[in-house]
N, C-alpha and C. Protein backbone atom coordinates (compact mmCIF):
# COMPACT_ATOMS: atom_id res chain seq x y z
N MET A 1 4.66 -2.62 -1.42
CA MET A 1 5.59 -3.40 -1.75
C MET A 1 7.02 -3.07 -2.49
N THR A 2 7.73 -3.43 -2.50
CA THR A 2 9.37 -2.61 -2.45
C THR A 2 9.72 -2.80 -3.97
N HIS A 3 9.75 -1.62 -4.19
CA HIS A 3 10.38 -1.29 -6.04
C HIS A 3 11.04 -1.64 -6.26
N GLY A 4 11.37 -1.12 -7.68
CA GLY A 4 13.22 -1.80 -8.25
C GLY A 4 14.30 -1.28 -8.23
N SER A 5 15.52 -2.06 -8.95
CA SER A 5 16.84 -1.07 -8.69
C SER A 5 16.62 0.47 -9.29
N GLY A 6 17.86 0.93 -9.09
CA GLY A 6 18.08 1.97 -9.45
C GLY A 6 18.53 2.07 -11.34
N THR A 7 18.60 1.00 -11.45
CA THR A 7 19.17 0.68 -12.73
C THR A 7 18.02 0.27 -14.16
N VAL A 8 17.15 -0.27 -13.34
CA VAL A 8 15.96 -1.27 -14.31
C VAL A 8 14.71 -0.56 -13.65
N PRO A 9 13.63 0.39 -14.89
CA PRO A 9 12.55 1.27 -14.63
C PRO A 9 11.50 -0.10 -13.44
N ASP A 10 11.18 0.88 -12.52
CA ASP A 10 9.64 0.20 -12.28
C ASP A 10 9.43 -1.31 -12.56
N GLU A 11 8.66 -0.35 -13.76
CA GLU A 11 7.57 -1.16 -14.54
C GLU A 11 8.26 -1.97 -15.63
N GLU A 12 9.66 -2.51 -15.21
CA GLU A 12 10.02 -3.99 -15.79
C GLU A 12 10.45 -4.82 -14.98
N PHE A 13 11.18 -3.96 -13.15
CA PHE A 13 11.62 -5.14 -12.49
C PHE A 13 10.20 -5.64 -11.70
N TRP A 14 9.29 -5.01 -11.95
CA TRP A 14 7.54 -5.38 -11.45
C TRP A 14 6.88 -5.96 -11.87
N ASP A 15 7.53 -5.70 -13.32
CA ASP A 15 6.08 -7.21 -14.38
C ASP A 15 6.98 -8.67 -14.54
N ALA A 16 8.05 -8.31 -14.35
CA ALA A 16 8.83 -9.36 -14.46
C ALA A 16 9.07 -10.13 -12.70
N ARG A 17 8.73 -9.57 -12.13
CA ARG A 17 8.40 -10.46 -11.01
C ARG A 17 7.66 -10.82 -10.61
N TYR A 18 6.04 -10.03 -11.10
CA TYR A 18 4.99 -11.13 -11.16
C TYR A 18 5.07 -11.92 -11.86
N ALA A 19 5.67 -11.83 -13.50
CA ALA A 19 5.45 -12.95 -14.33
C ALA A 19 6.71 -14.27 -13.68
N GLU A 20 7.06 -14.03 -13.25
CA GLU A 20 7.90 -15.25 -12.20
C GLU A 20 6.55 -16.45 -12.12
N ARG A 21 5.71 -16.09 -11.31
CA ARG A 21 4.56 -16.95 -10.92
C ARG A 21 3.37 -16.59 -11.06
N ASP A 22 2.26 -17.40 -11.17
CA ASP A 22 0.62 -16.81 -11.06
C ASP A 22 0.10 -16.27 -10.30
N ARG A 23 0.74 -16.05 -9.45
CA ARG A 23 0.45 -15.39 -7.89
C ARG A 23 1.77 -15.21 -7.18
N ILE A 24 1.57 -14.02 -6.79
CA ILE A 24 2.47 -13.63 -5.56
C ILE A 24 2.23 -13.23 -4.30
N TRP A 25 0.94 -12.98 -3.97
CA TRP A 25 0.74 -13.07 -3.04
C TRP A 25 -0.27 -13.09 -2.61
N SER A 26 -0.72 -13.65 -0.95
CA SER A 26 -1.75 -14.76 -1.03
C SER A 26 -3.36 -14.26 -1.21
N GLY A 27 -3.84 -13.09 -1.91
CA GLY A 27 -5.02 -12.93 -1.94
C GLY A 27 -6.09 -12.19 -1.25
N ASP A 28 -5.25 -12.48 -0.53
CA ASP A 28 -6.21 -11.67 1.31
C ASP A 28 -5.83 -10.50 1.59
N PRO A 29 -6.73 -9.96 2.23
CA PRO A 29 -6.42 -8.38 2.51
C PRO A 29 -6.05 -8.11 3.76
N ASN A 30 -4.68 -7.51 3.99
CA ASN A 30 -3.53 -7.35 4.94
C ASN A 30 -4.33 -6.83 6.14
N ALA A 31 -4.10 -7.61 6.73
CA ALA A 31 -4.94 -7.39 8.36
C ALA A 31 -4.85 -6.07 8.46
N VAL A 32 -4.29 -5.54 9.13
CA VAL A 32 -4.22 -3.87 9.75
C VAL A 32 -4.75 -3.01 8.61
N LEU A 33 -5.39 -3.61 7.03
CA LEU A 33 -7.27 -2.55 6.96
C LEU A 33 -8.15 -3.65 6.98
N VAL A 34 -7.78 -4.42 7.39
CA VAL A 34 -9.30 -4.94 7.65
C VAL A 34 -9.39 -4.56 9.47
N ARG A 35 -8.66 -4.61 9.81
CA ARG A 35 -9.10 -3.94 11.10
C ARG A 35 -9.24 -3.12 11.84
N GLU A 36 -8.95 -2.04 10.77
CA GLU A 36 -8.12 -0.66 11.06
C GLU A 36 -9.62 0.74 10.32
N VAL A 37 -9.56 -1.01 9.59
CA VAL A 37 -10.87 0.17 8.60
C VAL A 37 -12.50 -0.84 8.15
N GLY A 38 -12.64 -2.02 9.33
CA GLY A 38 -13.58 -3.06 8.49
C GLY A 38 -14.66 -1.66 10.03
N ASP A 39 -15.11 -0.58 10.49
CA ASP A 39 -15.55 0.01 11.19
C ASP A 39 -16.34 0.69 10.46
N ARG A 40 -15.17 1.79 9.89
CA ARG A 40 -15.70 3.02 9.18
C ARG A 40 -16.82 2.81 8.01
N THR A 41 -17.29 3.92 7.67
CA THR A 41 -18.69 4.17 7.06
C THR A 41 -18.15 4.01 5.63
N PRO A 42 -17.85 3.35 4.25
CA PRO A 42 -17.53 3.46 3.29
C PRO A 42 -17.67 4.82 2.62
N GLY A 43 -16.65 5.09 1.52
CA GLY A 43 -16.55 6.07 0.86
C GLY A 43 -15.75 5.99 -0.46
N THR A 44 -14.64 6.55 -0.60
CA THR A 44 -13.84 6.93 -1.88
C THR A 44 -12.66 6.29 -1.12
N ALA A 45 -11.70 5.42 -1.71
CA ALA A 45 -10.61 4.62 -1.39
C ALA A 45 -9.65 5.35 -2.27
N LEU A 46 -7.99 4.88 -1.87
CA LEU A 46 -7.24 5.13 -3.10
C LEU A 46 -5.95 4.29 -2.09
N ASP A 47 -5.98 2.82 -3.42
CA ASP A 47 -4.78 2.01 -2.66
C ASP A 47 -3.19 1.67 -3.51
N LEU A 48 -2.76 3.12 -2.90
CA LEU A 48 -1.18 3.19 -3.45
C LEU A 48 -0.15 1.53 -3.17
N GLY A 49 0.42 1.23 -4.47
CA GLY A 49 0.72 0.03 -4.85
C GLY A 49 0.26 -1.23 -4.19
N CYS A 50 -1.29 -1.55 -5.20
CA CYS A 50 -2.00 -2.12 -5.10
C CYS A 50 -1.58 -3.41 -5.64
N GLY A 51 -0.70 -3.91 -5.87
CA GLY A 51 -0.09 -5.06 -6.64
C GLY A 51 -1.23 -5.79 -6.89
N GLU A 52 -1.34 -7.05 -7.35
CA GLU A 52 -3.05 -8.45 -7.29
C GLU A 52 -4.14 -7.68 -7.19
N GLY A 53 -4.12 -6.95 -6.26
CA GLY A 53 -5.92 -6.06 -5.74
C GLY A 53 -6.36 -6.50 -4.78
N ALA A 54 -5.90 -6.85 -4.14
CA ALA A 54 -6.33 -7.77 -2.79
C ALA A 54 -7.20 -6.84 -1.66
N ASP A 55 -6.43 -5.97 -1.50
CA ASP A 55 -6.74 -4.92 -0.38
C ASP A 55 -8.44 -3.90 -1.08
N ALA A 56 -8.00 -3.84 -2.68
CA ALA A 56 -9.15 -3.05 -3.14
C ALA A 56 -9.94 -3.99 -3.32
N ILE A 57 -9.97 -4.76 -3.86
CA ILE A 57 -11.07 -6.13 -3.58
C ILE A 57 -12.04 -5.80 -2.18
N TRP A 58 -11.38 -5.91 -1.63
CA TRP A 58 -11.76 -6.01 0.00
C TRP A 58 -12.41 -5.02 0.29
N LEU A 59 -11.98 -4.04 -0.02
CA LEU A 59 -12.30 -2.54 0.12
C LEU A 59 -13.84 -2.18 -0.72
N ALA A 60 -13.86 -2.32 -2.18
CA ALA A 60 -14.91 -2.57 -2.82
C ALA A 60 -16.14 -3.59 -2.59
N GLY A 61 -15.93 -4.90 -1.76
CA GLY A 61 -16.51 -6.15 -0.96
C GLY A 61 -17.83 -4.96 0.49
N GLN A 62 -16.69 -4.43 0.94
CA GLN A 62 -17.20 -3.14 1.92
C GLN A 62 -17.88 -1.68 1.43
N GLY A 63 -18.52 -1.73 0.13
CA GLY A 63 -19.01 -0.98 -0.38
C GLY A 63 -17.80 0.62 -0.87
N TRP A 64 -16.99 0.09 -0.92
CA TRP A 64 -15.74 1.61 -0.45
C TRP A 64 -15.45 1.41 -2.20
N ARG A 65 -15.44 2.94 -2.83
CA ARG A 65 -15.51 3.24 -3.99
C ARG A 65 -14.17 3.22 -4.09
N VAL A 66 -13.15 2.49 -4.91
CA VAL A 66 -11.62 2.29 -4.79
C VAL A 66 -11.09 2.59 -6.29
N THR A 67 -10.45 3.99 -6.13
CA THR A 67 -9.05 3.84 -6.96
C THR A 67 -7.30 3.34 -6.82
N ALA A 68 -7.17 2.15 -7.27
CA ALA A 68 -6.96 1.13 -6.81
C ALA A 68 -4.93 1.52 -8.06
N VAL A 69 -4.06 1.22 -7.57
CA VAL A 69 -2.96 2.26 -8.61
C VAL A 69 -1.43 1.00 -8.22
N ASP A 70 -0.91 1.28 -9.50
CA ASP A 70 0.23 -0.20 -9.66
C ASP A 70 1.51 0.30 -10.52
N VAL A 71 1.98 -0.03 -10.65
CA VAL A 71 3.30 0.66 -11.73
C VAL A 71 3.29 -0.94 -12.06
N SER A 72 3.12 -2.05 -11.53
CA SER A 72 3.35 -2.91 -12.79
C SER A 72 1.72 -3.04 -13.42
N GLY A 73 1.59 -3.35 -14.91
CA GLY A 73 0.76 -3.67 -15.57
C GLY A 73 0.33 -5.31 -15.37
N VAL A 74 1.12 -6.36 -15.06
CA VAL A 74 1.17 -7.69 -14.94
C VAL A 74 0.29 -8.16 -13.52
N ALA A 75 0.65 -7.13 -12.59
CA ALA A 75 -0.46 -6.95 -11.72
C ALA A 75 -1.50 -6.54 -11.90
N LEU A 76 -2.03 -5.42 -12.57
CA LEU A 76 -3.56 -4.75 -12.31
C LEU A 76 -4.23 -5.87 -13.62
N GLY A 77 -3.38 -6.65 -13.99
CA GLY A 77 -4.38 -7.32 -15.38
C GLY A 77 -4.65 -8.27 -14.29
N ARG A 78 -3.85 -9.32 -13.52
CA ARG A 78 -4.91 -9.86 -12.55
C ARG A 78 -5.98 -9.18 -11.37
N ALA A 79 -5.77 -8.18 -11.02
CA ALA A 79 -6.18 -7.56 -10.14
C ALA A 79 -7.34 -7.42 -10.58
N ALA A 80 -8.00 -7.05 -12.21
CA ALA A 80 -8.85 -6.75 -12.99
C ALA A 80 -10.16 -8.35 -13.11
N GLN A 81 -8.82 -9.37 -12.95
CA GLN A 81 -9.14 -10.16 -12.91
C GLN A 81 -10.28 -10.77 -11.19
N HIS A 82 -9.47 -10.84 -11.71
CA HIS A 82 -9.58 -11.57 -9.81
C HIS A 82 -10.91 -10.29 -8.94
N ALA A 83 -10.94 -8.83 -9.12
CA ALA A 83 -12.36 -8.60 -9.33
C ALA A 83 -13.50 -8.74 -10.28
N ALA A 84 -13.27 -9.30 -11.13
CA ALA A 84 -14.62 -9.16 -11.50
C ALA A 84 -15.54 -11.08 -11.48
N ALA A 85 -13.92 -11.64 -11.43
CA ALA A 85 -14.54 -12.64 -9.99
C ALA A 85 -15.39 -12.66 -8.78
N ALA A 86 -14.84 -11.46 -8.25
CA ALA A 86 -15.39 -11.23 -7.26
C ALA A 86 -16.42 -10.13 -7.15
N GLY A 87 -16.85 -9.87 -7.97
CA GLY A 87 -18.05 -9.13 -8.36
C GLY A 87 -17.94 -7.69 -8.20
N VAL A 88 -17.09 -6.84 -7.82
CA VAL A 88 -17.02 -6.22 -7.55
C VAL A 88 -15.94 -4.90 -8.52
N ALA A 89 -15.69 -4.98 -10.02
CA ALA A 89 -14.91 -4.41 -10.97
C ALA A 89 -15.43 -3.39 -11.36
N ASP A 90 -17.21 -3.05 -11.31
CA ASP A 90 -17.74 -1.90 -11.16
C ASP A 90 -17.09 -0.79 -10.13
N ARG A 91 -16.49 -1.52 -9.25
CA ARG A 91 -16.15 -0.18 -8.32
C ARG A 91 -14.56 -0.13 -8.05
N VAL A 92 -13.78 -0.75 -8.83
CA VAL A 92 -12.75 -0.16 -9.11
C VAL A 92 -12.12 0.36 -9.79
N ASP A 93 -11.45 1.42 -9.86
CA ASP A 93 -10.92 2.18 -11.24
C ASP A 93 -9.37 1.96 -10.94
N TRP A 94 -8.75 0.69 -12.00
CA TRP A 94 -7.51 0.60 -11.41
C TRP A 94 -5.84 1.18 -12.71
N GLN A 95 -5.68 2.29 -12.31
CA GLN A 95 -4.36 2.86 -12.65
C GLN A 95 -2.82 1.99 -13.13
N ARG A 96 -2.25 2.39 -13.88
CA ARG A 96 -1.34 2.18 -14.02
C ARG A 96 -0.08 3.30 -13.99
N ARG A 97 0.51 3.54 -13.45
CA ARG A 97 1.41 4.56 -12.59
C ARG A 97 2.98 4.01 -12.32
N ASP A 98 3.41 4.77 -12.60
CA ASP A 98 4.63 5.27 -11.90
C ASP A 98 4.36 6.24 -10.47
N LEU A 99 4.20 6.17 -9.52
CA LEU A 99 4.40 7.02 -8.24
C LEU A 99 4.68 8.64 -8.26
N ALA A 100 6.00 7.71 -7.87
CA ALA A 100 7.06 8.69 -8.38
C ALA A 100 6.64 10.19 -9.26
N ALA A 101 6.31 9.50 -10.43
CA ALA A 101 6.18 10.28 -11.36
C ALA A 101 4.80 11.48 -11.61
N SER A 102 3.56 10.75 -11.67
CA SER A 102 2.35 11.10 -11.23
C SER A 102 2.33 10.46 -9.93
N PHE A 103 1.07 11.23 -9.52
CA PHE A 103 -0.12 10.95 -8.35
C PHE A 103 -2.05 11.13 -8.51
N PRO A 104 -2.90 10.05 -8.34
CA PRO A 104 -4.15 9.98 -8.88
C PRO A 104 -4.40 11.72 -7.90
N GLU A 105 -5.51 11.80 -8.38
CA GLU A 105 -6.25 12.76 -8.92
C GLU A 105 -7.25 13.20 -7.82
N GLY A 106 -7.54 14.51 -7.02
CA GLY A 106 -9.13 14.13 -5.71
C GLY A 106 -8.52 13.58 -5.21
N ALA A 107 -9.75 14.16 -4.02
CA ALA A 107 -9.79 13.45 -2.45
C ALA A 107 -10.43 12.24 -2.27
N PHE A 108 -9.67 11.80 -0.93
CA PHE A 108 -10.02 10.67 -0.63
C PHE A 108 -10.74 10.33 0.65
N ASP A 109 -11.54 9.31 0.77
CA ASP A 109 -11.78 9.68 2.36
C ASP A 109 -10.96 8.32 3.46
N LEU A 110 -9.43 7.55 2.22
CA LEU A 110 -9.41 6.75 2.65
C LEU A 110 -7.97 6.42 1.80
N VAL A 111 -6.87 6.80 1.91
CA VAL A 111 -5.64 6.68 1.75
C VAL A 111 -4.96 5.32 2.36
N SER A 112 -4.92 4.03 1.23
CA SER A 112 -3.88 3.09 2.26
C SER A 112 -2.89 2.84 1.46
N ALA A 113 -1.44 2.68 2.05
CA ALA A 113 -0.88 2.22 1.23
C ALA A 113 0.19 1.41 2.00
N HIS A 114 0.50 0.26 1.79
CA HIS A 114 0.82 -0.77 2.39
C HIS A 114 2.68 -1.19 2.23
N PHE A 115 3.04 -1.12 2.71
CA PHE A 115 4.36 -2.33 1.89
C PHE A 115 4.68 -1.10 1.00
N LEU A 116 4.99 -0.30 0.73
CA LEU A 116 5.31 0.49 -0.24
C LEU A 116 7.23 1.36 -0.18
N HIS A 117 8.00 0.09 -0.61
CA HIS A 117 8.77 0.99 -0.39
C HIS A 117 10.25 1.01 -1.16
N ASN A 118 11.35 1.49 -0.65
CA ASN A 118 11.90 1.61 -2.46
C ASN A 118 13.72 2.05 -1.67
N PRO A 119 14.59 1.73 -2.41
CA PRO A 119 15.50 1.55 -2.13
C PRO A 119 15.76 3.39 -1.46
N GLY A 120 16.47 3.27 -0.53
CA GLY A 120 16.92 4.62 0.18
C GLY A 120 15.49 5.67 0.57
N GLU A 121 13.90 4.52 0.12
CA GLU A 121 12.98 5.40 0.67
C GLU A 121 12.92 6.29 0.49
N ILE A 122 13.47 6.93 -0.57
CA ILE A 122 13.36 8.63 -1.63
C ILE A 122 11.74 8.85 -2.01
N PHE A 123 11.71 7.65 -2.29
CA PHE A 123 10.56 8.08 -3.88
C PHE A 123 9.32 8.02 -2.55
N ARG A 124 10.10 7.33 -2.01
CA ARG A 124 8.33 6.63 -0.82
C ARG A 124 8.11 7.96 0.38
N GLU A 125 9.14 8.32 0.10
CA GLU A 125 8.76 9.56 1.74
C GLU A 125 7.75 10.89 0.26
N LYS A 126 7.92 11.18 -0.78
CA LYS A 126 7.84 11.75 -2.23
C LYS A 126 6.04 11.54 -2.06
N ILE A 127 6.53 10.38 -2.18
CA ILE A 127 4.70 9.14 -2.25
C ILE A 127 3.55 9.84 -0.93
N LEU A 128 4.19 9.40 0.21
CA LEU A 128 3.55 9.22 1.02
C LEU A 128 3.26 10.86 1.40
N ARG A 129 4.02 12.08 1.32
CA ARG A 129 3.48 13.41 1.44
C ARG A 129 2.59 13.82 0.01
N ALA A 130 2.57 12.98 -1.19
CA ALA A 130 1.53 13.62 -2.02
C ALA A 130 0.22 12.59 -1.23
N ALA A 131 0.10 11.17 -0.67
CA ALA A 131 -0.77 10.99 -0.02
C ALA A 131 -1.44 11.37 1.22
N THR A 132 -0.40 12.30 1.80
CA THR A 132 -1.21 12.79 2.74
C THR A 132 -1.93 13.82 1.90
N ALA A 133 -2.04 14.68 1.17
CA ALA A 133 -2.41 16.15 0.39
C ALA A 133 -3.96 15.54 -0.32
N ALA A 134 -3.82 13.88 -0.63
CA ALA A 134 -4.84 13.59 -1.32
C ALA A 134 -6.73 13.31 -0.24
N VAL A 135 -6.13 13.20 1.04
CA VAL A 135 -6.59 12.45 1.90
C VAL A 135 -7.95 13.92 2.66
N ALA A 136 -9.38 13.97 2.04
CA ALA A 136 -9.91 14.46 2.64
C ALA A 136 -10.24 14.88 4.48
N PRO A 137 -11.37 16.15 4.20
CA PRO A 137 -11.54 15.97 5.65
C PRO A 137 -12.03 15.11 6.33
N GLY A 138 -11.65 14.39 7.58
CA GLY A 138 -12.68 13.92 8.37
C GLY A 138 -11.93 12.36 7.48
N GLY A 139 -10.38 12.47 6.67
CA GLY A 139 -10.59 11.25 6.14
C GLY A 139 -9.00 10.89 7.02
N VAL A 140 -8.99 9.34 6.90
CA VAL A 140 -8.02 8.63 7.29
C VAL A 140 -6.73 8.37 6.56
N LEU A 141 -5.51 8.66 6.49
CA LEU A 141 -4.13 7.70 6.31
C LEU A 141 -3.79 6.72 6.94
N LEU A 142 -3.52 5.36 6.28
CA LEU A 142 -3.16 4.07 6.61
C LEU A 142 -1.47 3.79 6.38
N ILE A 143 -0.77 3.92 7.06
CA ILE A 143 0.32 3.66 6.37
C ILE A 143 1.52 2.06 7.05
N VAL A 144 1.50 1.50 6.10
CA VAL A 144 1.57 -0.03 7.13
C VAL A 144 3.15 -0.23 5.81
N GLY A 145 4.19 -0.19 7.06
CA GLY A 145 5.77 -0.46 6.11
C GLY A 145 6.10 -1.87 7.06
N HIS A 146 7.12 -2.62 6.12
CA HIS A 146 7.41 -3.49 6.93
C HIS A 146 8.76 -2.96 7.95
N ALA A 147 9.27 -3.77 8.74
CA ALA A 147 10.36 -2.97 9.76
C ALA A 147 11.84 -4.07 9.93
N GLY A 148 11.51 -5.16 8.85
CA GLY A 148 12.07 -5.81 7.79
C GLY A 148 12.51 -6.35 7.14
N THR A 149 13.84 -7.14 6.27
CA THR A 149 13.63 -7.68 5.07
C THR A 149 13.58 -9.25 5.13
N PRO A 150 12.40 -9.48 4.01
CA PRO A 150 11.51 -11.32 4.96
C PRO A 150 13.25 -11.86 3.84
N PRO A 151 13.07 -13.18 4.10
CA PRO A 151 13.96 -13.90 3.43
C PRO A 151 13.89 -14.15 2.68
N TRP A 152 12.95 -14.57 2.03
CA TRP A 152 13.17 -14.70 0.34
C TRP A 152 13.47 -12.79 -0.59
N GLU A 153 13.63 -12.24 -0.04
CA GLU A 153 14.18 -10.85 -0.92
C GLU A 153 15.16 -10.75 -0.63
N HIS A 154 16.04 -11.37 -0.24
CA HIS A 154 17.66 -11.21 -0.08
C HIS A 154 18.15 -11.85 -1.81
N GLY A 155 18.78 -11.06 -1.84
CA GLY A 155 19.34 -11.45 -3.14
C GLY A 155 19.00 -11.12 -4.51
N HIS A 156 17.49 -10.55 -4.03
CA HIS A 156 16.63 -9.32 -4.87
C HIS A 156 17.59 -7.83 -4.54
N GLU A 157 17.81 -7.26 -6.85
CA GLU A 157 18.58 -5.88 -6.44
C GLU A 157 18.00 -5.14 -5.01
N GLN A 158 19.22 -4.34 -4.50
CA GLN A 158 19.51 -3.26 -4.05
C GLN A 158 17.83 -3.88 -2.79
N PRO A 159 17.97 -4.32 -1.88
CA PRO A 159 16.57 -4.08 -0.64
C PRO A 159 17.31 -2.71 0.38
N VAL A 160 15.56 -2.65 1.35
CA VAL A 160 15.76 -1.59 1.45
C VAL A 160 17.11 -1.67 2.65
N GLU A 161 17.63 -0.47 2.84
CA GLU A 161 18.82 -1.01 3.32
C GLU A 161 18.80 -0.65 4.76
N ARG A 162 16.93 -0.05 5.35
CA ARG A 162 16.93 0.33 6.56
C ARG A 162 15.16 1.20 6.20
N PHE A 163 14.49 0.53 7.44
CA PHE A 163 13.41 0.78 7.36
C PHE A 163 12.80 1.70 8.62
N PRO A 164 11.84 2.94 8.07
CA PRO A 164 11.52 3.20 8.69
C PRO A 164 10.61 3.29 10.18
N THR A 165 10.69 3.77 11.08
CA THR A 165 9.60 3.37 12.10
C THR A 165 8.86 4.16 12.02
N PRO A 166 7.29 3.99 12.64
CA PRO A 166 5.99 4.82 12.59
C PRO A 166 6.41 6.19 13.02
N ALA A 167 7.37 6.37 14.00
CA ALA A 167 7.68 7.81 14.47
C ALA A 167 8.07 7.84 13.39
N GLU A 168 9.33 7.72 12.62
CA GLU A 168 10.58 8.70 12.01
C GLU A 168 9.67 9.31 10.81
N VAL A 169 8.75 8.00 10.30
CA VAL A 169 7.40 8.66 8.81
C VAL A 169 6.96 9.43 9.07
N LEU A 170 6.25 9.64 10.75
CA LEU A 170 5.35 10.72 11.16
C LEU A 170 6.20 12.04 10.88
N ALA A 171 7.01 11.62 11.14
CA ALA A 171 8.51 13.37 11.46
C ALA A 171 8.99 13.56 9.90
N ALA A 172 9.17 12.43 9.40
CA ALA A 172 8.79 12.88 7.62
C ALA A 172 8.02 13.47 7.18
N LEU A 173 6.53 13.45 7.41
CA LEU A 173 4.99 14.17 6.58
C LEU A 173 5.59 15.38 7.40
N ALA A 174 5.97 15.17 8.59
CA ALA A 174 5.87 16.68 9.30
C ALA A 174 4.29 17.51 9.18
N LEU A 175 3.27 16.38 9.18
CA LEU A 175 1.68 17.51 9.52
C LEU A 175 1.55 18.41 10.62
N PRO A 176 0.71 19.20 10.18
CA PRO A 176 0.58 19.92 11.40
C PRO A 176 -0.89 19.54 12.78
N GLU A 177 0.16 19.82 13.41
CA GLU A 177 -0.74 18.81 14.85
C GLU A 177 -2.15 19.48 14.93
N GLU A 178 -2.31 21.07 14.38
CA GLU A 178 -4.02 21.54 14.87
C GLU A 178 -4.93 20.82 13.13
N GLU A 179 -4.16 19.95 11.77
CA GLU A 179 -4.90 19.78 11.09
C GLU A 179 -4.74 17.94 10.90
N TRP A 180 -4.33 17.57 11.86
CA TRP A 180 -4.34 15.75 11.59
C TRP A 180 -3.81 15.21 13.46
N GLU A 181 -4.72 14.54 12.92
CA GLU A 181 -4.85 13.53 14.43
C GLU A 181 -4.60 12.46 14.36
N VAL A 182 -2.49 11.88 15.22
CA VAL A 182 -2.29 10.50 14.92
C VAL A 182 -3.73 9.87 16.25
N GLN A 183 -3.87 8.09 14.83
CA GLN A 183 -4.59 7.69 15.93
C GLN A 183 -3.95 6.04 15.96
N LEU A 184 -3.29 6.00 15.28
CA LEU A 184 -2.07 4.83 15.91
C LEU A 184 -0.87 4.62 15.21
N SER A 185 0.31 4.62 16.02
CA SER A 185 1.57 4.47 15.54
C SER A 185 2.13 3.66 16.43
N GLU A 186 2.64 2.30 15.32
CA GLU A 186 2.68 1.18 16.08
C GLU A 186 3.39 -0.06 15.72
N GLU A 187 3.95 -0.60 16.33
CA GLU A 187 5.29 -1.66 15.53
C GLU A 187 4.32 -3.42 16.57
N SER A 188 4.11 -3.99 15.38
CA SER A 188 3.21 -4.91 15.79
C SER A 188 3.96 -6.28 15.25
N ALA A 189 4.01 -7.27 15.90
CA ALA A 189 4.21 -8.58 15.13
C ALA A 189 3.37 -9.50 14.66
N ARG A 190 3.08 -10.51 13.38
CA ARG A 190 2.95 -11.36 12.59
C ARG A 190 2.91 -12.74 12.12
N THR A 191 2.05 -13.30 11.75
CA THR A 191 3.19 -14.49 11.15
C THR A 191 2.64 -14.24 9.41
N GLN A 192 3.38 -14.67 8.69
CA GLN A 192 3.25 -14.76 6.79
C GLN A 192 4.04 -15.81 6.47
N THR A 193 3.00 -16.46 5.57
CA THR A 193 3.68 -17.47 4.98
C THR A 193 4.38 -17.16 3.72
N GLY A 194 5.88 -17.49 3.34
CA GLY A 194 6.24 -17.21 2.68
C GLY A 194 5.89 -17.71 1.09
N PRO A 195 7.09 -17.30 -0.36
CA PRO A 195 6.56 -17.62 -1.16
C PRO A 195 6.41 -19.34 -1.65
N ASP A 196 7.46 -20.02 -0.74
CA ASP A 196 7.77 -21.57 -1.06
C ASP A 196 7.50 -21.77 0.44
N GLY A 197 6.19 -21.61 0.93
CA GLY A 197 5.25 -21.57 1.71
C GLY A 197 5.99 -22.12 2.99
N GLN A 198 7.66 -21.92 3.85
CA GLN A 198 7.40 -21.33 5.07
C GLN A 198 6.84 -19.89 5.42
N GLN A 199 6.67 -20.29 7.01
CA GLN A 199 6.03 -19.35 8.24
C GLN A 199 7.53 -18.41 8.85
N VAL A 200 6.90 -17.39 8.74
CA VAL A 200 7.63 -16.22 8.63
C VAL A 200 7.50 -15.43 9.46
N GLU A 201 7.81 -14.70 10.89
CA GLU A 201 7.40 -13.86 11.75
C GLU A 201 8.11 -12.39 11.04
N ARG A 202 7.27 -11.48 11.17
CA ARG A 202 6.79 -10.27 10.53
C ARG A 202 7.00 -9.21 11.21
N THR A 203 7.70 -8.03 11.48
CA THR A 203 7.31 -6.76 12.30
C THR A 203 6.94 -6.33 11.69
N ASP A 204 5.40 -5.42 11.24
CA ASP A 204 4.73 -4.23 10.27
C ASP A 204 4.83 -2.86 11.22
N ALA A 205 5.71 -2.16 10.56
CA ALA A 205 5.67 -0.36 11.40
C ALA A 205 3.80 0.01 10.63
N THR A 206 3.72 0.44 11.77
CA THR A 206 1.54 1.20 11.52
C THR A 206 1.12 2.41 11.55
N LEU A 207 1.40 3.20 10.70
CA LEU A 207 0.96 4.68 11.05
C LEU A 207 -0.71 5.23 10.29
N LYS A 208 -1.04 6.10 11.56
CA LYS A 208 -3.05 6.15 11.26
C LYS A 208 -3.11 7.30 11.01
N VAL A 209 -3.04 7.97 10.50
CA VAL A 209 -3.86 9.56 10.64
C VAL A 209 -4.70 9.81 10.40
N ARG A 210 -5.94 10.89 11.43
CA ARG A 210 -7.62 11.34 10.48
C ARG A 210 -6.74 12.64 10.27
N ARG A 211 -7.30 13.34 9.07
CA ARG A 211 -7.56 14.62 8.65
C ARG A 211 -8.32 15.11 9.49
N ARG A 212 -8.05 16.48 9.73
CA ARG A 212 -9.14 17.09 10.78
C ARG A 212 -10.05 17.30 10.13
N GLY A 213 -11.61 17.71 11.04
CA GLY A 213 -12.33 18.27 9.66
C GLY A 213 -13.51 17.31 10.10
N GLN A 214 -14.61 17.48 9.04
CA GLN A 214 -16.45 17.19 9.39
C GLN A 214 -16.41 15.77 9.64
């Protein structure tokens, strides 16, 4: 998800955005997550920028124990309700955090960051570096970002000026080759339904890396 403006705190920005409608996102898990993680043995997972919880709930349903983090209390409240309805409330730890200021402790078999953007990408780079440190040996870091701004985001304050490619994300992380294996680096197209029901083709930038180890 894209962070708020530089003048409005992220908490206020995102609480206001989520308060606009009863549901912002589709409620379905991200397709790349399902494709890339569906065959992995469940373990511990960290979902960064979890929003209304679709990814975390899907992971919990697959047997993962999930720590799900978002800056919006409104979103987390909805996510907890959805998890309870899905029967996985006991498998998800919902945490409200500004990831640029604090990061969950521990090591995880999967760290997932889907569409975690902010103006200038400064804080995103910091957060993703912290995410790499949170990956356990043998674990995977999955980063999925936008490659362009959707029509419905135009008009909101300070849209991201430029979205990095998977290669640029990898270069910014500066991962030692002897410690990390790149399993996927690609851009791919998909069709997304916008808030007004409009079908729009989007391009996603995906980077999947595995920490060498067990």
